[in-house]
Amino acid sequence: MRLKSGIWIAAYLRRCNIEGAFAAVRRRGAEEAGAIFIKVSRLDGTATLYGPAPQSAFDDAQPADRLFAVVLGNEQGVAEADIESRLGREIKFDPDLWIVEVEDREGRNFLDSALR
C-alpha cells in the first residue's frame, strides 16, 4: 500500500529541511493520491522539474514505491520560466496535483528514487 500524497510530502519537506535546503508546498493537491511534481530551483534562474515516473518504470519487487523522473531539465537545469509554463499545462490536465518547490544552490533533489 502506498503512502497518501499528503503524508509523503510532509516527510519529504522534513528531509529537505534537515539537509539544509528550503522546501515548501506551492500547490496542495488531492490528499489521498494526487500526483506530485517537485521543482528544484538553483536560485540562479535555472531549475529542474521532477514528476511521476511512467508506469513502465515500476517493477514487482517494489510496486508501492513512489518513483520520480526528470520531466524538464538536466544537471545544469533549464530556465525557470520553461518549468512554470510546463506546470501550468500540467495543472490544466490534472487540477489535483501537488507542487513542491525546493531551493538548493547545488540542485540536490533529495529523492531516493529519481530516474534520469
N, C-alpha and C. Protein backbone atom coordinates (compact mmCIF):
# COMPACT_ATOMS: atom_id res chain seq x y z
N MET A 1 0.85 -1.19 0.00
CA MET A 1 0.00 0.00 0.00
C MET A 1 0.88 1.24 0.00
N ARG A 2 0.55 2.20 -0.83
CA ARG A 2 1.34 3.40 -0.97
C ARG A 2 0.88 4.47 0.02
N LEU A 3 1.84 5.26 0.51
CA LEU A 3 1.51 6.37 1.41
C LEU A 3 0.65 7.40 0.70
N LYS A 4 -0.24 8.02 1.43
CA LYS A 4 -1.02 9.13 0.88
C LYS A 4 -0.07 10.25 0.49
N SER A 5 -0.44 11.00 -0.52
CA SER A 5 0.40 12.09 -1.03
C SER A 5 0.75 13.10 0.06
N GLY A 6 -0.24 13.48 0.87
CA GLY A 6 0.00 14.46 1.93
C GLY A 6 1.03 14.00 2.94
N ILE A 7 0.99 12.74 3.31
CA ILE A 7 1.96 12.19 4.27
C ILE A 7 3.34 12.12 3.65
N TRP A 8 3.42 11.66 2.39
CA TRP A 8 4.71 11.55 1.71
C TRP A 8 5.36 12.92 1.61
N ILE A 9 4.57 13.94 1.27
CA ILE A 9 5.12 15.30 1.12
C ILE A 9 5.60 15.85 2.45
N ALA A 10 4.88 15.60 3.52
CA ALA A 10 5.32 16.07 4.84
C ALA A 10 6.69 15.49 5.19
N ALA A 11 6.88 14.21 4.91
CA ALA A 11 8.17 13.57 5.18
C ALA A 11 9.26 14.14 4.26
N TYR A 12 8.92 14.37 3.00
CA TYR A 12 9.88 14.91 2.05
C TYR A 12 10.32 16.32 2.45
N LEU A 13 9.39 17.16 2.86
CA LEU A 13 9.73 18.52 3.31
C LEU A 13 10.68 18.48 4.51
N ARG A 14 10.39 17.57 5.42
CA ARG A 14 11.25 17.44 6.60
C ARG A 14 12.67 17.03 6.20
N ARG A 15 12.77 16.08 5.27
CA ARG A 15 14.10 15.64 4.83
C ARG A 15 14.86 16.79 4.18
N CYS A 16 14.21 17.54 3.32
CA CYS A 16 14.87 18.68 2.67
C CYS A 16 15.38 19.68 3.70
N ASN A 17 14.54 19.99 4.67
CA ASN A 17 14.93 20.96 5.70
C ASN A 17 16.07 20.44 6.56
N ILE A 18 16.07 19.14 6.87
CA ILE A 18 17.17 18.56 7.65
C ILE A 18 18.48 18.67 6.88
N GLU A 19 18.42 18.50 5.55
CA GLU A 19 19.62 18.56 4.71
C GLU A 19 20.08 20.00 4.46
N GLY A 20 19.33 20.99 4.93
CA GLY A 20 19.74 22.38 4.81
C GLY A 20 19.16 23.12 3.62
N ALA A 21 18.19 22.54 2.93
CA ALA A 21 17.55 23.20 1.80
C ALA A 21 16.18 23.70 2.24
N PHE A 22 15.73 24.76 1.61
CA PHE A 22 14.38 25.26 1.89
C PHE A 22 13.42 24.56 0.94
N ALA A 23 12.33 24.04 1.46
CA ALA A 23 11.31 23.39 0.64
C ALA A 23 9.93 23.78 1.16
N ALA A 24 9.01 23.97 0.24
CA ALA A 24 7.65 24.36 0.62
C ALA A 24 6.66 23.84 -0.40
N VAL A 25 5.43 23.66 0.06
CA VAL A 25 4.34 23.25 -0.83
C VAL A 25 3.82 24.51 -1.52
N ARG A 26 3.88 24.52 -2.83
CA ARG A 26 3.34 25.64 -3.61
C ARG A 26 1.89 25.44 -3.96
N ARG A 27 1.51 24.20 -4.12
CA ARG A 27 0.13 23.90 -4.50
C ARG A 27 -0.28 22.59 -3.84
N ARG A 28 -1.39 22.64 -3.13
CA ARG A 28 -1.93 21.43 -2.49
C ARG A 28 -2.85 20.72 -3.46
N GLY A 29 -2.66 19.42 -3.56
CA GLY A 29 -3.49 18.61 -4.43
C GLY A 29 -4.38 17.69 -3.63
N ALA A 30 -4.81 16.62 -4.26
CA ALA A 30 -5.64 15.63 -3.59
C ALA A 30 -4.83 14.94 -2.51
N GLU A 31 -5.35 14.94 -1.29
CA GLU A 31 -4.65 14.40 -0.13
C GLU A 31 -4.31 12.92 -0.28
N GLU A 32 -5.20 12.17 -0.87
CA GLU A 32 -5.02 10.72 -0.92
C GLU A 32 -4.05 10.28 -2.01
N ALA A 33 -4.23 10.78 -3.22
CA ALA A 33 -3.45 10.23 -4.33
C ALA A 33 -3.12 11.24 -5.41
N GLY A 34 -2.98 12.50 -5.07
CA GLY A 34 -2.64 13.49 -6.08
C GLY A 34 -1.22 13.29 -6.60
N ALA A 35 -1.02 13.52 -7.90
CA ALA A 35 0.31 13.44 -8.49
C ALA A 35 1.20 14.52 -7.87
N ILE A 36 2.48 14.21 -7.74
CA ILE A 36 3.42 15.13 -7.10
C ILE A 36 4.47 15.56 -8.11
N PHE A 37 4.67 16.88 -8.23
CA PHE A 37 5.73 17.44 -9.05
C PHE A 37 6.66 18.21 -8.13
N ILE A 38 7.97 18.05 -8.34
CA ILE A 38 8.96 18.70 -7.50
C ILE A 38 9.85 19.57 -8.38
N LYS A 39 9.85 20.86 -8.07
CA LYS A 39 10.71 21.80 -8.78
C LYS A 39 11.90 22.10 -7.89
N VAL A 40 13.11 21.85 -8.42
CA VAL A 40 14.33 22.13 -7.67
C VAL A 40 14.97 23.36 -8.30
N SER A 41 14.90 24.47 -7.59
CA SER A 41 15.44 25.74 -8.06
C SER A 41 16.87 25.90 -7.56
N ARG A 42 17.76 26.31 -8.46
CA ARG A 42 19.17 26.53 -8.08
C ARG A 42 19.42 27.98 -7.66
N LEU A 43 18.37 28.79 -7.64
CA LEU A 43 18.44 30.19 -7.22
C LEU A 43 19.30 31.05 -8.14
N ASP A 44 19.50 30.58 -9.37
CA ASP A 44 20.22 31.36 -10.36
C ASP A 44 19.40 31.54 -11.64
N GLY A 45 18.09 31.28 -11.53
CA GLY A 45 17.22 31.38 -12.69
C GLY A 45 17.02 30.07 -13.42
N THR A 46 17.68 29.01 -12.94
CA THR A 46 17.51 27.69 -13.55
C THR A 46 16.93 26.72 -12.54
N ALA A 47 16.33 25.65 -13.06
CA ALA A 47 15.71 24.66 -12.18
C ALA A 47 15.55 23.35 -12.95
N THR A 48 15.18 22.31 -12.21
CA THR A 48 14.85 21.00 -12.79
C THR A 48 13.50 20.60 -12.24
N LEU A 49 12.67 19.99 -13.09
CA LEU A 49 11.35 19.55 -12.68
C LEU A 49 11.29 18.03 -12.68
N TYR A 50 10.83 17.47 -11.55
CA TYR A 50 10.64 16.03 -11.41
C TYR A 50 9.15 15.77 -11.29
N GLY A 51 8.72 14.66 -11.89
CA GLY A 51 7.32 14.28 -11.81
C GLY A 51 7.20 12.77 -11.70
N PRO A 52 5.97 12.27 -11.64
CA PRO A 52 5.78 10.83 -11.51
C PRO A 52 6.42 10.09 -12.68
N ALA A 53 7.12 9.01 -12.35
CA ALA A 53 7.75 8.19 -13.40
C ALA A 53 6.68 7.44 -14.17
N PRO A 54 6.96 7.10 -15.42
CA PRO A 54 5.99 6.33 -16.19
C PRO A 54 5.76 4.95 -15.58
N GLN A 55 4.59 4.40 -15.81
CA GLN A 55 4.24 3.10 -15.23
C GLN A 55 5.23 2.01 -15.61
N SER A 56 5.86 2.12 -16.76
CA SER A 56 6.81 1.10 -17.19
C SER A 56 8.05 1.04 -16.31
N ALA A 57 8.29 2.07 -15.49
CA ALA A 57 9.46 2.09 -14.61
C ALA A 57 9.26 1.28 -13.33
N PHE A 58 8.02 0.89 -13.03
CA PHE A 58 7.74 0.15 -11.80
C PHE A 58 8.01 -1.33 -12.01
N ASP A 59 8.37 -2.00 -10.92
CA ASP A 59 8.58 -3.45 -11.00
C ASP A 59 7.81 -4.15 -9.88
N ASP A 60 7.75 -5.46 -9.96
CA ASP A 60 7.00 -6.25 -8.98
C ASP A 60 7.66 -6.26 -7.61
N ALA A 61 8.97 -5.99 -7.55
CA ALA A 61 9.68 -6.04 -6.26
C ALA A 61 9.26 -4.89 -5.34
N GLN A 62 8.99 -3.73 -5.92
CA GLN A 62 8.61 -2.56 -5.12
C GLN A 62 7.44 -1.84 -5.78
N PRO A 63 6.29 -2.46 -5.87
CA PRO A 63 5.17 -1.84 -6.60
C PRO A 63 4.57 -0.62 -5.92
N ALA A 64 4.80 -0.44 -4.63
CA ALA A 64 4.14 0.65 -3.90
C ALA A 64 5.02 1.89 -3.76
N ASP A 65 6.27 1.83 -4.19
CA ASP A 65 7.16 2.98 -4.07
C ASP A 65 6.75 4.10 -5.00
N ARG A 66 7.08 5.32 -4.60
CA ARG A 66 6.90 6.46 -5.49
C ARG A 66 8.20 6.64 -6.26
N LEU A 67 8.11 6.64 -7.56
CA LEU A 67 9.28 6.87 -8.40
C LEU A 67 9.10 8.19 -9.13
N PHE A 68 10.20 8.90 -9.29
CA PHE A 68 10.17 10.19 -9.97
C PHE A 68 11.12 10.15 -11.14
N ALA A 69 10.81 10.92 -12.16
CA ALA A 69 11.65 11.06 -13.34
C ALA A 69 11.80 12.54 -13.66
N VAL A 70 12.90 12.87 -14.29
CA VAL A 70 13.09 14.25 -14.74
C VAL A 70 12.09 14.53 -15.85
N VAL A 71 11.27 15.54 -15.63
CA VAL A 71 10.27 15.94 -16.62
C VAL A 71 10.85 17.02 -17.53
N LEU A 72 11.61 17.91 -16.92
CA LEU A 72 12.19 19.03 -17.67
C LEU A 72 13.48 19.44 -16.98
N GLY A 73 14.56 19.53 -17.74
CA GLY A 73 15.83 19.95 -17.19
C GLY A 73 16.87 18.84 -17.23
N ASN A 74 18.02 19.16 -16.68
CA ASN A 74 19.14 18.22 -16.60
C ASN A 74 20.02 18.66 -15.45
N GLU A 75 21.28 18.22 -15.44
CA GLU A 75 22.16 18.61 -14.33
C GLU A 75 22.35 20.13 -14.24
N GLN A 76 22.34 20.81 -15.39
CA GLN A 76 22.51 22.27 -15.39
C GLN A 76 21.19 23.00 -15.22
N GLY A 77 20.09 22.31 -15.40
CA GLY A 77 18.78 22.93 -15.26
C GLY A 77 18.36 23.64 -16.54
N VAL A 78 17.15 24.14 -16.52
CA VAL A 78 16.60 24.94 -17.62
C VAL A 78 16.02 26.21 -17.01
N ALA A 79 15.63 27.13 -17.86
CA ALA A 79 15.06 28.39 -17.37
C ALA A 79 13.80 28.11 -16.56
N GLU A 80 13.68 28.80 -15.43
CA GLU A 80 12.51 28.60 -14.57
C GLU A 80 11.21 28.94 -15.28
N ALA A 81 11.25 29.86 -16.23
CA ALA A 81 10.04 30.22 -16.99
C ALA A 81 9.52 29.02 -17.78
N ASP A 82 10.44 28.20 -18.31
CA ASP A 82 10.03 26.99 -19.04
C ASP A 82 9.33 26.01 -18.10
N ILE A 83 9.84 25.89 -16.90
CA ILE A 83 9.24 24.97 -15.93
C ILE A 83 7.87 25.49 -15.50
N GLU A 84 7.74 26.78 -15.28
CA GLU A 84 6.45 27.35 -14.89
C GLU A 84 5.41 27.14 -15.98
N SER A 85 5.83 27.28 -17.23
CA SER A 85 4.93 27.04 -18.35
C SER A 85 4.47 25.57 -18.36
N ARG A 86 5.39 24.65 -18.13
CA ARG A 86 5.03 23.22 -18.11
C ARG A 86 4.10 22.92 -16.94
N LEU A 87 4.37 23.50 -15.78
CA LEU A 87 3.49 23.28 -14.63
C LEU A 87 2.08 23.81 -14.90
N GLY A 88 1.98 24.92 -15.59
CA GLY A 88 0.67 25.45 -15.96
C GLY A 88 -0.12 24.47 -16.82
N ARG A 89 0.55 23.84 -17.77
CA ARG A 89 -0.10 22.85 -18.62
C ARG A 89 -0.50 21.61 -17.81
N GLU A 90 0.36 21.20 -16.88
CA GLU A 90 0.06 20.03 -16.04
C GLU A 90 -1.17 20.29 -15.16
N ILE A 91 -1.30 21.51 -14.63
CA ILE A 91 -2.44 21.87 -13.78
C ILE A 91 -3.73 21.83 -14.59
N LYS A 92 -3.69 22.29 -15.83
CA LYS A 92 -4.88 22.21 -16.68
C LYS A 92 -5.30 20.77 -16.93
N PHE A 93 -4.32 19.88 -17.06
CA PHE A 93 -4.58 18.47 -17.30
C PHE A 93 -5.06 17.76 -16.03
N ASP A 94 -4.44 18.09 -14.88
CA ASP A 94 -4.75 17.43 -13.61
C ASP A 94 -4.80 18.47 -12.49
N PRO A 95 -5.97 19.02 -12.18
CA PRO A 95 -6.07 20.06 -11.15
C PRO A 95 -5.82 19.55 -9.73
N ASP A 96 -5.70 18.24 -9.53
CA ASP A 96 -5.47 17.68 -8.19
C ASP A 96 -3.99 17.44 -7.89
N LEU A 97 -3.09 17.96 -8.71
CA LEU A 97 -1.67 17.68 -8.48
C LEU A 97 -1.08 18.56 -7.39
N TRP A 98 0.02 18.11 -6.83
CA TRP A 98 0.78 18.84 -5.82
C TRP A 98 2.02 19.43 -6.50
N ILE A 99 2.46 20.60 -6.04
CA ILE A 99 3.73 21.16 -6.48
C ILE A 99 4.53 21.50 -5.23
N VAL A 100 5.73 20.94 -5.17
CA VAL A 100 6.66 21.23 -4.08
C VAL A 100 7.85 21.93 -4.70
N GLU A 101 8.27 23.03 -4.10
CA GLU A 101 9.45 23.74 -4.60
C GLU A 101 10.58 23.64 -3.58
N VAL A 102 11.74 23.23 -4.08
CA VAL A 102 12.94 23.11 -3.26
C VAL A 102 13.94 24.14 -3.77
N GLU A 103 14.55 24.88 -2.84
CA GLU A 103 15.59 25.83 -3.21
C GLU A 103 16.92 25.29 -2.70
N ASP A 104 17.80 24.94 -3.64
CA ASP A 104 19.11 24.39 -3.28
C ASP A 104 20.11 24.77 -4.36
N ARG A 105 21.12 25.54 -4.00
CA ARG A 105 22.10 26.03 -4.97
C ARG A 105 22.83 24.89 -5.68
N GLU A 106 22.95 23.75 -5.04
CA GLU A 106 23.63 22.59 -5.64
C GLU A 106 22.69 21.77 -6.53
N GLY A 107 21.41 22.05 -6.49
CA GLY A 107 20.45 21.33 -7.32
C GLY A 107 20.13 19.93 -6.82
N ARG A 108 20.33 19.68 -5.52
CA ARG A 108 20.03 18.36 -4.95
C ARG A 108 18.52 18.16 -4.90
N ASN A 109 18.07 16.93 -5.23
CA ASN A 109 16.62 16.69 -5.25
C ASN A 109 16.11 15.93 -4.03
N PHE A 110 16.98 15.29 -3.27
CA PHE A 110 16.60 14.58 -2.04
C PHE A 110 15.59 13.45 -2.28
N LEU A 111 15.55 12.95 -3.49
CA LEU A 111 14.65 11.84 -3.83
C LEU A 111 15.46 10.55 -3.82
N ASP A 112 14.96 9.55 -3.12
CA ASP A 112 15.65 8.26 -3.09
C ASP A 112 15.54 7.53 -4.42
N SER A 113 14.48 7.80 -5.14
CA SER A 113 14.25 7.07 -6.39
C SER A 113 13.88 8.03 -7.51
N ALA A 114 14.90 8.61 -8.13
CA ALA A 114 14.68 9.51 -9.26
C ALA A 114 15.37 8.92 -10.49
N LEU A 115 14.60 8.73 -11.54
CA LEU A 115 15.12 8.19 -12.79
C LEU A 115 15.61 9.32 -13.67
N ARG A 116 16.60 9.07 -14.46
CA ARG A 116 17.11 10.07 -15.42
C ARG A 116 16.54 9.85 -16.77
